[in-house]
């Protein structure tokens, strides 16, 4: 027994109808699952940020940690959570419908304002000391290895300084340690949102949503 199928429409018409159906399905599926998609993506962000060496150093009690060097006395876990929360809340999704030719559409993930205004406005990113205000989060994110303090350098010694992990002593200069020095294009936040592992996780979420 054999079955034959005869197309009553041209190949171009059939292809056009298929493209229309695919576009309608993808557009509808993305729109109806936008909230779930955003939620699933936001759930990945805390781990991405916590895996950064800067965050490890900000939660360390080692005398060479950023806690000691920046003289941080506030609860560092709370500081990290504030940074993570701000990054999570700044994440958005923009959808653009695909047209009948499967063009012009897409999904754009916006993870972080390029000027880092959300993070730089956090009060926890400051160390207030007698006679000054060290906006250490700004230095960590945008200022690279520029000198913060001249004629003084950090002395890592337990029991001294604001953090009791070290103090400033005369001579030399003080700047963000080179392994942590970040710029607007390359810092612990930009690195948290890039990489093969992150791309794979995002692809897996999209695959599940689109079936």
Protein backbone atom coordinates (compact mmCIF):
# COMPACT_ATOMS: atom_id res chain seq x y z
CA UNK A 1 0.00 0.00 0.00
CA UNK A 2 1.34 3.40 -0.88
CA UNK A 3 0.18 6.88 -0.06
CA UNK A 4 0.89 9.86 -2.22
CA UNK A 5 0.55 13.49 -1.25
CA UNK A 6 -0.05 16.23 -3.73
CA UNK A 7 0.59 19.81 -2.76
CA UNK A 8 -2.15 22.12 -3.99
CA UNK A 9 -0.12 25.19 -3.11
CA UNK A 10 3.28 26.20 -4.40
CA UNK A 11 6.40 25.37 -2.39
CA UNK A 12 6.87 29.06 -1.65
CA UNK A 13 3.33 29.33 -0.29
CA UNK A 14 3.81 26.26 1.90
CA UNK A 15 7.12 27.61 3.21
CA UNK A 16 5.53 30.98 3.91
CA UNK A 17 2.69 29.34 5.87
CA UNK A 18 5.20 27.30 7.86
CA UNK A 19 7.22 30.41 8.69
CA UNK A 20 4.07 32.23 9.78
CA UNK A 21 3.12 29.34 12.05
CA UNK A 22 6.60 29.18 13.56
CA UNK A 23 6.68 32.95 14.14
CA UNK A 24 3.27 32.88 15.80
CA UNK A 25 4.31 29.98 18.03
CA UNK A 26 7.63 31.52 19.09
CA UNK A 27 6.12 34.98 19.68
CA UNK A 28 3.22 33.57 21.67
CA UNK A 29 5.39 31.21 23.70
CA UNK A 30 7.94 33.86 24.63
CA UNK A 31 5.28 36.37 25.62
CA UNK A 32 3.30 33.93 27.75
CA UNK A 33 6.46 32.71 29.47
CA UNK A 34 8.26 36.03 29.81
CA UNK A 35 7.79 36.24 33.57
CA UNK A 36 8.92 32.64 34.11
CA UNK A 37 11.87 33.17 31.80
CA UNK A 38 12.98 36.28 33.70
CA UNK A 39 12.54 34.53 37.05
CA UNK A 40 14.61 31.52 35.96
CA UNK A 41 17.38 33.74 34.65
CA UNK A 42 17.42 35.92 37.77
CA UNK A 43 17.78 32.76 39.86
CA UNK A 44 21.14 32.10 38.22
CA UNK A 45 22.64 35.49 38.98
CA UNK A 46 23.49 35.06 42.70
CA UNK A 47 25.71 32.06 41.99
CA UNK A 48 27.41 33.82 39.08
CA UNK A 49 28.33 36.77 41.30
CA UNK A 50 29.28 34.74 44.37
CA UNK A 51 31.75 32.76 42.25
CA UNK A 52 33.80 35.88 41.55
CA UNK A 53 37.13 36.20 43.42
CA UNK A 54 36.24 39.73 44.51
CA UNK A 55 33.19 38.45 46.38
CA UNK A 56 35.26 35.71 48.01
CA UNK A 57 37.69 38.36 49.19
CA UNK A 58 34.87 40.60 50.43
CA UNK A 59 33.66 37.82 52.71
CA UNK A 60 37.10 36.76 53.92
CA UNK A 61 38.71 37.41 57.28
CA UNK A 62 42.23 37.15 55.84
CA UNK A 63 44.48 40.13 56.47
CA UNK A 64 45.12 40.47 52.73
CA UNK A 65 41.40 40.53 51.87
CA UNK A 66 39.51 43.46 50.41
CA UNK A 67 37.74 43.76 53.76
CA UNK A 68 41.00 44.72 55.40
CA UNK A 69 42.32 46.84 52.56
CA UNK A 70 39.13 48.89 52.28
CA UNK A 71 38.65 49.08 56.06
CA UNK A 72 35.16 47.61 55.87
CA UNK A 73 33.49 47.25 59.26
CA UNK A 74 29.92 46.55 58.17
CA UNK A 75 28.55 43.03 57.79
CA UNK A 76 30.13 41.87 54.57
CA UNK A 77 27.48 39.22 53.94
CA UNK A 78 24.87 41.97 53.93
CA UNK A 79 27.01 43.99 51.54
CA UNK A 80 27.28 41.05 49.14
CA UNK A 81 23.54 40.42 49.32
CA UNK A 82 22.85 44.08 48.54
CA UNK A 83 25.12 43.90 45.49
CA UNK A 84 23.47 40.68 44.31
CA UNK A 85 19.96 42.00 44.89
CA UNK A 86 20.71 45.15 42.92
CA UNK A 87 22.13 43.15 40.01
CA UNK A 88 19.15 40.77 40.01
CA UNK A 89 16.62 43.59 40.09
CA UNK A 90 18.31 45.40 37.22
CA UNK A 91 17.88 42.40 34.90
CA UNK A 92 15.20 42.81 32.26
CA UNK A 93 13.98 41.09 29.10
CA UNK A 94 12.93 42.86 25.91
CA UNK A 95 10.94 40.89 23.33
CA UNK A 96 10.52 41.80 19.67
CA UNK A 97 8.10 39.81 17.52
CA UNK A 98 9.39 37.75 14.62
CA UNK A 99 7.73 38.61 11.33
CA UNK A 100 6.29 36.24 8.73
CA UNK A 101 9.77 35.68 7.31
CA UNK A 102 11.17 34.81 10.76
CA UNK A 103 13.14 38.02 10.76
CA UNK A 104 13.21 41.19 12.82
CA UNK A 105 12.48 39.45 16.09
CA UNK A 106 14.44 38.39 19.09
CA UNK A 107 14.97 38.30 22.80
CA UNK A 108 17.32 40.76 24.43
CA UNK A 109 18.58 40.21 27.96
CA UNK A 110 19.71 43.36 29.74
CA UNK A 111 21.68 42.38 32.79
CA UNK A 112 23.33 45.51 34.04
CA UNK A 113 23.23 49.26 33.32
CA UNK A 114 26.46 50.09 31.51
CA UNK A 115 27.14 52.98 33.90
CA UNK A 116 26.65 50.73 36.97
CA UNK A 117 24.40 53.40 38.48
CA UNK A 118 22.41 50.79 40.41
CA UNK A 119 25.50 49.49 42.18
CA UNK A 120 27.32 52.78 42.60
CA UNK A 121 24.28 54.25 44.37
CA UNK A 122 24.41 51.58 47.10
CA UNK A 123 25.31 53.02 50.48
CA UNK A 124 27.04 49.76 51.42
CA UNK A 125 29.72 50.48 48.82
CA UNK A 126 31.23 53.22 50.98
CA UNK A 127 33.62 53.20 53.90
CA UNK A 128 33.03 56.33 55.97
CA UNK A 129 35.97 57.27 58.10
CA UNK A 130 37.06 60.34 60.04
CA UNK A 131 37.66 63.01 57.48
CA UNK A 132 36.61 61.13 54.38
CA UNK A 133 34.50 58.74 52.37
CA UNK A 134 36.09 55.87 50.44
CA UNK A 135 33.69 54.80 47.70
CA UNK A 136 35.44 51.46 47.42
CA UNK A 137 32.80 49.83 45.20
CA UNK A 138 33.42 52.53 42.58
CA UNK A 139 37.14 51.89 42.78
CA UNK A 140 36.57 48.14 42.51
CA UNK A 141 34.26 48.42 39.50
CA UNK A 142 35.53 51.33 37.42
CA UNK A 143 38.80 52.89 38.54
CA UNK A 144 41.26 50.17 37.58
CA UNK A 145 44.67 50.43 39.20
CA UNK A 146 44.61 54.19 39.74
CA UNK A 147 46.19 55.28 43.00
CA UNK A 148 43.65 55.81 45.77
CA UNK A 149 45.96 57.18 48.46
CA UNK A 150 49.46 58.55 48.04
CA UNK A 151 52.22 58.36 50.65
CA UNK A 152 50.49 55.48 52.42
CA UNK A 153 50.23 51.76 51.82
CA UNK A 154 48.22 48.94 53.36
CA UNK A 155 49.90 47.01 56.16
CA UNK A 156 48.25 43.59 56.63
CA UNK A 157 48.47 42.92 60.35
CA UNK A 158 45.76 41.38 62.51
CA UNK A 159 44.32 43.47 65.31
CA UNK A 160 44.97 46.86 63.74
CA UNK A 161 42.91 49.27 61.66
CA UNK A 162 39.17 49.72 61.35
CA UNK A 163 38.61 46.16 60.23
CA UNK A 164 41.19 44.73 62.67
CA UNK A 165 42.83 43.09 59.68
CA UNK A 166 45.37 45.78 58.85
CA UNK A 167 46.06 49.48 58.74
CA UNK A 168 47.54 52.20 56.56
CA UNK A 169 51.14 53.07 57.17
CA UNK A 170 53.41 55.74 55.75
CA UNK A 171 55.24 55.38 52.46
CA UNK A 172 54.40 54.15 48.98
CA UNK A 173 50.85 54.30 47.70
CA UNK A 174 47.59 52.42 47.94
CA UNK A 175 45.44 51.11 45.08
CA UNK A 176 43.08 48.22 44.40
CA UNK A 177 45.15 45.02 44.20
CA UNK A 178 45.87 44.28 40.52
CA UNK A 179 44.00 40.94 40.57
CA UNK A 180 40.85 42.80 41.61
CA UNK A 181 41.26 46.09 39.73
CA UNK A 182 38.21 46.55 37.52
CA UNK A 183 37.16 48.93 34.76
CA UNK A 184 33.72 49.60 33.31
CA UNK A 185 34.42 47.07 30.58
CA UNK A 186 36.04 44.42 32.74
CA UNK A 187 35.15 43.96 36.39
CA UNK A 188 33.68 41.29 38.63
CA UNK A 189 30.13 42.13 37.53
CA UNK A 190 30.80 42.05 33.79
CA UNK A 191 32.70 38.79 34.23
CA UNK A 192 29.86 37.30 36.24
CA UNK A 193 27.53 37.69 33.26
CA UNK A 194 29.85 36.32 30.59
CA UNK A 195 31.39 32.96 29.82
CA UNK A 196 30.62 29.59 28.28
CA UNK A 197 29.02 28.22 31.45
CA UNK A 198 26.61 31.16 31.71
CA UNK A 199 25.70 30.92 28.02
CA UNK A 200 24.98 27.21 28.39
CA UNK A 201 22.69 27.80 31.36
CA UNK A 202 20.79 30.50 29.49
CA UNK A 203 20.44 28.26 26.42
CA UNK A 204 19.06 25.45 28.57
CA UNK A 205 16.40 27.77 30.00
CA UNK A 206 15.35 28.93 26.52
CA UNK A 207 15.23 25.35 25.27
CA UNK A 208 12.89 24.38 28.10
CA UNK A 209 10.63 27.38 27.51
CA UNK A 210 10.37 26.82 23.77
CA UNK A 211 10.03 23.05 24.11
